[in-house]
All heavy atoms as atom14 arrays in JSON, in Angstrom:
{
  "sequence": "AYDDKLQEEKNIECVPGQYFIQGGSDSEEKK",
  "atom14_mask": [
    [1, 1, 1, 1, 1, 0, 0, 0, 0, 0, 0, 0, 0, 0],
    [1, 1, 1, 1, 1, 1, 1, 1, 1, 1, 1, 1, 0, 0],
    [1, 1, 1, 1, 1, 1, 1, 1, 0, 0, 0, 0, 0, 0],
    [1, 1, 1, 1, 1, 1, 1, 1, 0, 0, 0, 0, 0, 0],
    [1, 1, 1, 1, 1, 1, 1, 1, 1, 0, 0, 0, 0, 0],
    [1, 1, 1, 1, 1, 1, 1, 1, 0, 0, 0, 0, 0, 0],
    [1, 1, 1, 1, 1, 1, 1, 1, 1, 0, 0, 0, 0, 0],
    [1, 1, 1, 1, 1, 1, 1, 1, 1, 0, 0, 0, 0, 0],
    [1, 1, 1, 1, 1, 1, 1, 1, 1, 0, 0, 0, 0, 0],
    [1, 1, 1, 1, 1, 1, 1, 1, 1, 0, 0, 0, 0, 0],
    [1, 1, 1, 1, 1, 1, 1, 1, 0, 0, 0, 0, 0, 0],
    [1, 1, 1, 1, 1, 1, 1, 1, 0, 0, 0, 0, 0, 0],
    [1, 1, 1, 1, 1, 1, 1, 1, 1, 0, 0, 0, 0, 0],
    [1, 1, 1, 1, 1, 1, 0, 0, 0, 0, 0, 0, 0, 0],
    [1, 1, 1, 1, 1, 1, 1, 0, 0, 0, 0, 0, 0, 0],
    [1, 1, 1, 1, 1, 1, 1, 0, 0, 0, 0, 0, 0, 0],
    [1, 1, 1, 1, 0, 0, 0, 0, 0, 0, 0, 0, 0, 0],
    [1, 1, 1, 1, 1, 1, 1, 1, 1, 0, 0, 0, 0, 0],
    [1, 1, 1, 1, 1, 1, 1, 1, 1, 1, 1, 1, 0, 0],
    [1, 1, 1, 1, 1, 1, 1, 1, 1, 1, 1, 0, 0, 0],
    [1, 1, 1, 1, 1, 1, 1, 1, 0, 0, 0, 0, 0, 0],
    [1, 1, 1, 1, 1, 1, 1, 1, 1, 0, 0, 0, 0, 0],
    [1, 1, 1, 1, 0, 0, 0, 0, 0, 0, 0, 0, 0, 0],
    [1, 1, 1, 1, 0, 0, 0, 0, 0, 0, 0, 0, 0, 0],
    [1, 1, 1, 1, 1, 1, 0, 0, 0, 0, 0, 0, 0, 0],
    [1, 1, 1, 1, 1, 1, 1, 1, 0, 0, 0, 0, 0, 0],
    [1, 1, 1, 1, 1, 1, 0, 0, 0, 0, 0, 0, 0, 0],
    [1, 1, 1, 1, 1, 1, 1, 1, 1, 0, 0, 0, 0, 0],
    [1, 1, 1, 1, 1, 1, 1, 1, 1, 0, 0, 0, 0, 0],
    [1, 1, 1, 1, 1, 1, 1, 1, 1, 0, 0, 0, 0, 0],
    [1, 1, 1, 1, 1, 1, 1, 1, 1, 0, 0, 0, 0, 0]
  ],
  "atom14_positions": [
    [[12.06, -0.25, 9.78], [11.08, -0.68, 8.78], [10.47, 0.5, 8.04], [9.8, 0.31, 7.01], [9.96, -1.49, 9.45], [0.0, 0.0, 0.0], [0.0, 0.0, 0.0], [0.0, 0.0, 0.0], [0.0, 0.0, 0.0], [0.0, 0.0, 0.0], [0.0, 0.0, 0.0], [0.0, 0.0, 0.0], [0.0, 0.0, 0.0], [0.0, 0.0, 0.0]],
    [[10.68, 1.71, 8.54], [10.12, 2.91, 7.93], [11.15, 3.69, 7.1], [10.84, 4.78, 6.63], [9.55, 3.83, 9.01], [8.34, 3.28, 9.72], [8.46, 2.42, 10.81], [7.05, 3.63, 9.32], [7.35, 1.91, 11.47], [5.93, 3.13, 9.97], [6.09, 2.27, 11.05], [4.98, 1.77, 11.69], [0.0, 0.0, 0.0], [0.0, 0.0, 0.0]],
    [[12.34, 3.15, 6.95], [13.35, 3.84, 6.16], [12.81, 4.18, 4.78], [12.14, 3.35, 4.14], [14.61, 2.98, 6.02], [15.47, 3.0, 7.28], [15.26, 3.9, 8.12], [16.34, 2.12, 7.42], [0.0, 0.0, 0.0], [0.0, 0.0, 0.0], [0.0, 0.0, 0.0], [0.0, 0.0, 0.0], [0.0, 0.0, 0.0], [0.0, 0.0, 0.0]],
    [[13.09, 5.38, 4.31], [12.51, 5.85, 3.06], [12.76, 4.9, 1.9], [11.85, 4.58, 1.13], [13.07, 7.24, 2.73], [12.5, 8.32, 3.63], [12.03, 7.99, 4.74], [12.54, 9.5, 3.24], [0.0, 0.0, 0.0], [0.0, 0.0, 0.0], [0.0, 0.0, 0.0], [0.0, 0.0, 0.0], [0.0, 0.0, 0.0], [0.0, 0.0, 0.0]],
    [[14.0, 4.45, 1.76], [14.35, 3.58, 0.63], [13.58, 2.28, 0.69], [13.08, 1.79, -0.33], [15.85, 3.32, 0.63], [16.32, 2.54, -0.59], [17.84, 2.39, -0.6], [18.31, 1.62, -1.83], [19.78, 1.45, -1.84], [0.0, 0.0, 0.0], [0.0, 0.0, 0.0], [0.0, 0.0, 0.0], [0.0, 0.0, 0.0], [0.0, 0.0, 0.0]],
    [[13.45, 1.72, 1.88], [12.73, 0.46, 2.04], [11.25, 0.63, 1.71], [10.64, -0.23, 1.04], [12.91, -0.05, 3.48], [12.37, -1.44, 3.81], [13.09, -2.5, 2.98], [12.52, -1.73, 5.29], [0.0, 0.0, 0.0], [0.0, 0.0, 0.0], [0.0, 0.0, 0.0], [0.0, 0.0, 0.0], [0.0, 0.0, 0.0], [0.0, 0.0, 0.0]],
    [[10.66, 1.73, 2.15], [9.26, 2.0, 1.85], [9.03, 2.18, 0.36], [8.03, 1.72, -0.19], [8.79, 3.22, 2.63], [8.58, 2.98, 4.12], [7.4, 2.09, 4.4], [6.31, 2.26, 3.87], [7.61, 1.1, 5.27], [0.0, 0.0, 0.0], [0.0, 0.0, 0.0], [0.0, 0.0, 0.0], [0.0, 0.0, 0.0], [0.0, 0.0, 0.0]],
    [[9.96, 2.84, -0.31], [9.83, 3.05, -1.75], [9.92, 1.74, -2.51], [9.27, 1.57, -3.55], [10.91, 4.02, -2.22], [10.69, 5.46, -1.75], [11.88, 6.35, -2.02], [12.89, 5.84, -2.56], [11.82, 7.54, -1.69], [0.0, 0.0, 0.0], [0.0, 0.0, 0.0], [0.0, 0.0, 0.0], [0.0, 0.0, 0.0], [0.0, 0.0, 0.0]],
    [[10.73, 0.81, -2.0], [10.89, -0.48, -2.67], [9.67, -1.38, -2.48], [9.26, -2.08, -3.41], [12.13, -1.19, -2.12], [13.45, -0.55, -2.52], [14.63, -1.21, -1.83], [14.4, -2.09, -0.95], [15.78, -0.87, -2.16], [0.0, 0.0, 0.0], [0.0, 0.0, 0.0], [0.0, 0.0, 0.0], [0.0, 0.0, 0.0], [0.0, 0.0, 0.0]],
    [[9.08, -1.36, -1.3], [8.03, -2.32, -0.96], [6.61, -1.8, -1.16], [5.7, -2.57, -1.46], [8.2, -2.78, 0.49], [9.41, -3.67, 0.73], [9.39, -4.22, 2.15], [10.48, -5.25, 2.36], [10.41, -5.86, 3.72], [0.0, 0.0, 0.0], [0.0, 0.0, 0.0], [0.0, 0.0, 0.0], [0.0, 0.0, 0.0], [0.0, 0.0, 0.0]],
    [[6.43, -0.49, -0.95], [5.07, 0.05, -0.91], [4.84, 1.12, -1.97], [5.77, 1.58, -2.63], [4.76, 0.58, 0.48], [4.76, -0.53, 1.53], [4.48, -1.68, 1.22], [5.09, -0.19, 2.76], [0.0, 0.0, 0.0], [0.0, 0.0, 0.0], [0.0, 0.0, 0.0], [0.0, 0.0, 0.0], [0.0, 0.0, 0.0], [0.0, 0.0, 0.0]],
    [[3.6, 1.53, -2.11], [3.24, 2.46, -3.18], [2.85, 3.82, -2.6], [2.52, 3.95, -1.42], [2.06, 1.91, -4.01], [0.79, 1.81, -3.15], [2.42, 0.56, -4.62], [-0.46, 1.48, -3.95], [0.0, 0.0, 0.0], [0.0, 0.0, 0.0], [0.0, 0.0, 0.0], [0.0, 0.0, 0.0], [0.0, 0.0, 0.0], [0.0, 0.0, 0.0]],
    [[2.9, 4.84, -3.45], [2.4, 6.16, -3.07], [0.88, 6.16, -3.22], [0.35, 5.74, -4.23], [3.02, 7.23, -3.97], [4.5, 7.46, -3.72], [5.01, 8.68, -4.48], [4.22, 9.63, -4.66], [6.18, 8.67, -4.89], [0.0, 0.0, 0.0], [0.0, 0.0, 0.0], [0.0, 0.0, 0.0], [0.0, 0.0, 0.0], [0.0, 0.0, 0.0]],
    [[0.22, 6.64, -2.19], [-1.24, 6.64, -2.2], [-1.78, 8.07, -2.21], [-1.03, 9.04, -2.0], [-1.78, 5.89, -0.97], [-1.32, 4.14, -0.94], [0.0, 0.0, 0.0], [0.0, 0.0, 0.0], [0.0, 0.0, 0.0], [0.0, 0.0, 0.0], [0.0, 0.0, 0.0], [0.0, 0.0, 0.0], [0.0, 0.0, 0.0], [0.0, 0.0, 0.0]],
    [[-3.07, 8.19, -2.41], [-3.72, 9.5, -2.44], [-4.11, 9.88, -1.02], [-4.93, 9.2, -0.4], [-4.96, 9.47, -3.35], [-5.63, 10.84, -3.36], [-4.58, 9.04, -4.75], [0.0, 0.0, 0.0], [0.0, 0.0, 0.0], [0.0, 0.0, 0.0], [0.0, 0.0, 0.0], [0.0, 0.0, 0.0], [0.0, 0.0, 0.0], [0.0, 0.0, 0.0]],
    [[-3.54, 10.96, -0.48], [-3.89, 11.36, 0.9], [-5.34, 11.79, 1.01], [-5.97, 12.2, 0.04], [-2.94, 12.55, 1.15], [-1.87, 12.44, 0.11], [-2.52, 11.83, -1.07], [0.0, 0.0, 0.0], [0.0, 0.0, 0.0], [0.0, 0.0, 0.0], [0.0, 0.0, 0.0], [0.0, 0.0, 0.0], [0.0, 0.0, 0.0], [0.0, 0.0, 0.0]],
    [[-5.86, 11.67, 2.24], [-7.18, 12.21, 2.54], [-8.35, 11.32, 2.2], [-9.5, 11.75, 2.32], [0.0, 0.0, 0.0], [0.0, 0.0, 0.0], [0.0, 0.0, 0.0], [0.0, 0.0, 0.0], [0.0, 0.0, 0.0], [0.0, 0.0, 0.0], [0.0, 0.0, 0.0], [0.0, 0.0, 0.0], [0.0, 0.0, 0.0], [0.0, 0.0, 0.0]],
    [[-8.09, 10.09, 1.76], [-9.19, 9.18, 1.46], [-8.78, 7.75, 1.78], [-7.61, 7.39, 1.69], [-9.62, 9.3, 0.0], [-8.56, 8.89, -1.01], [-8.99, 9.13, -2.44], [-9.51, 10.19, -2.78], [-8.8, 8.13, -3.29], [0.0, 0.0, 0.0], [0.0, 0.0, 0.0], [0.0, 0.0, 0.0], [0.0, 0.0, 0.0], [0.0, 0.0, 0.0]],
    [[-9.76, 6.95, 2.18], [-9.48, 5.54, 2.48], [-8.97, 4.82, 1.23], [-9.39, 5.12, 0.11], [-10.73, 4.84, 2.98], [-11.27, 5.36, 4.29], [-12.57, 5.88, 4.38], [-10.49, 5.33, 5.45], [-13.08, 6.34, 5.58], [-11.0, 5.81, 6.65], [-12.27, 6.32, 6.71], [-12.77, 6.8, 7.9], [0.0, 0.0, 0.0], [0.0, 0.0, 0.0]],
    [[-8.06, 3.87, 1.44], [-7.52, 3.08, 0.34], [-8.27, 1.74, 0.32], [-7.84, 0.76, 0.91], [-6.02, 2.88, 0.53], [-5.35, 2.16, -0.62], [-5.88, 2.19, -1.9], [-4.17, 1.47, -0.4], [-5.24, 1.56, -2.95], [-3.53, 0.82, -1.45], [-4.06, 0.86, -2.73], [0.0, 0.0, 0.0], [0.0, 0.0, 0.0], [0.0, 0.0, 0.0]],
    [[-9.42, 1.74, -0.36], [-10.27, 0.56, -0.43], [-9.76, -0.32, -1.57], [-9.61, 0.14, -2.7], [-11.74, 0.93, -0.68], [-12.21, 2.0, 0.32], [-12.62, -0.31, -0.6], [-12.2, 1.57, 1.75], [0.0, 0.0, 0.0], [0.0, 0.0, 0.0], [0.0, 0.0, 0.0], [0.0, 0.0, 0.0], [0.0, 0.0, 0.0], [0.0, 0.0, 0.0]],
    [[-9.52, -1.61, -1.26], [-9.01, -2.53, -2.27], [-9.98, -3.69, -2.44], [-10.41, -4.3, -1.47], [-7.63, -3.05, -1.87], [-6.61, -1.92, -1.67], [-5.24, -2.43, -1.31], [-4.63, -3.18, -2.06], [-4.74, -2.01, -0.16], [0.0, 0.0, 0.0], [0.0, 0.0, 0.0], [0.0, 0.0, 0.0], [0.0, 0.0, 0.0], [0.0, 0.0, 0.0]],
    [[-10.3, -3.97, -3.69], [-11.21, -5.06, -3.99], [-10.48, -6.39, -4.11], [-9.38, -6.57, -3.61], [0.0, 0.0, 0.0], [0.0, 0.0, 0.0], [0.0, 0.0, 0.0], [0.0, 0.0, 0.0], [0.0, 0.0, 0.0], [0.0, 0.0, 0.0], [0.0, 0.0, 0.0], [0.0, 0.0, 0.0], [0.0, 0.0, 0.0], [0.0, 0.0, 0.0]],
    [[-11.13, -7.31, -4.81], [-10.54, -8.63, -4.98], [-10.96, -9.59, -3.88], [-11.67, -9.23, -2.95], [0.0, 0.0, 0.0], [0.0, 0.0, 0.0], [0.0, 0.0, 0.0], [0.0, 0.0, 0.0], [0.0, 0.0, 0.0], [0.0, 0.0, 0.0], [0.0, 0.0, 0.0], [0.0, 0.0, 0.0], [0.0, 0.0, 0.0], [0.0, 0.0, 0.0]],
    [[-10.48, -10.82, -3.98], [-10.84, -11.84, -3.0], [-10.09, -11.61, -1.69], [-9.09, -10.88, -1.64], [-10.48, -13.23, -3.55], [-9.07, -13.36, -3.69], [0.0, 0.0, 0.0], [0.0, 0.0, 0.0], [0.0, 0.0, 0.0], [0.0, 0.0, 0.0], [0.0, 0.0, 0.0], [0.0, 0.0, 0.0], [0.0, 0.0, 0.0], [0.0, 0.0, 0.0]],
    [[-10.59, -12.25, -0.64], [-9.96, -12.1, 0.67], [-8.52, -12.58, 0.68], [-7.69, -12.09, 1.44], [-10.74, -12.87, 1.74], [-12.08, -12.22, 2.05], [-12.25, -11.04, 1.7], [-12.94, -12.89, 2.65], [0.0, 0.0, 0.0], [0.0, 0.0, 0.0], [0.0, 0.0, 0.0], [0.0, 0.0, 0.0], [0.0, 0.0, 0.0], [0.0, 0.0, 0.0]],
    [[-8.2, -13.55, -0.18], [-6.86, -14.13, -0.19], [-5.88, -13.37, -1.09], [-4.69, -13.67, -1.1], [-6.92, -15.59, -0.65], [-7.46, -15.68, -1.96], [0.0, 0.0, 0.0], [0.0, 0.0, 0.0], [0.0, 0.0, 0.0], [0.0, 0.0, 0.0], [0.0, 0.0, 0.0], [0.0, 0.0, 0.0], [0.0, 0.0, 0.0], [0.0, 0.0, 0.0]],
    [[-6.38, -12.38, -1.83], [-5.53, -11.62, -2.75], [-4.65, -10.65, -1.98], [-5.11, -9.93, -1.1], [-6.4, -10.85, -3.74], [-5.63, -10.12, -4.81], [-6.56, -9.43, -5.81], [-7.64, -10.01, -6.08], [-6.21, -8.34, -6.29], [0.0, 0.0, 0.0], [0.0, 0.0, 0.0], [0.0, 0.0, 0.0], [0.0, 0.0, 0.0], [0.0, 0.0, 0.0]],
    [[-3.34, -10.64, -2.31], [-2.41, -9.77, -1.6], [-2.75, -8.3, -1.84], [-3.02, -7.88, -2.97], [-0.97, -10.04, -2.05], [0.06, -9.25, -1.26], [1.49, -9.67, -1.56], [1.74, -10.88, -1.67], [2.35, -8.77, -1.69], [0.0, 0.0, 0.0], [0.0, 0.0, 0.0], [0.0, 0.0, 0.0], [0.0, 0.0, 0.0], [0.0, 0.0, 0.0]],
    [[-2.76, -7.53, -0.77], [-3.11, -6.11, -0.86], [-1.85, -5.25, -0.9], [-0.8, -5.61, -0.36], [-3.95, -5.7, 0.36], [-5.15, -6.58, 0.64], [-6.12, -6.67, -0.52], [-7.35, -7.45, -0.11], [-8.08, -8.06, -1.22], [0.0, 0.0, 0.0], [0.0, 0.0, 0.0], [0.0, 0.0, 0.0], [0.0, 0.0, 0.0], [0.0, 0.0, 0.0]],
    [[-2.01, -4.11, -1.55], [-0.92, -3.15, -1.6], [-0.93, -2.3, -0.32], [-1.97, -2.11, 0.3], [-1.06, -2.26, -2.83], [-0.96, -3.03, -4.14], [-1.16, -2.12, -5.33], [-1.07, -2.9, -6.64], [-1.3, -2.03, -7.82], [0.0, 0.0, 0.0], [0.0, 0.0, 0.0], [0.0, 0.0, 0.0], [0.0, 0.0, 0.0], [0.0, 0.0, 0.0]]
  ]
}
C-alpha cells in the first residue's frame, strides 16, 4: 500500500513539519 506509484496516484504531497488541518463538514472526504 506504500508503493511510490500508488501513493502518487492516490495521495498528495504535503508540507512537512506542520499539521495538515482540513476544514469542511465531517462527511467531506479528506485528502
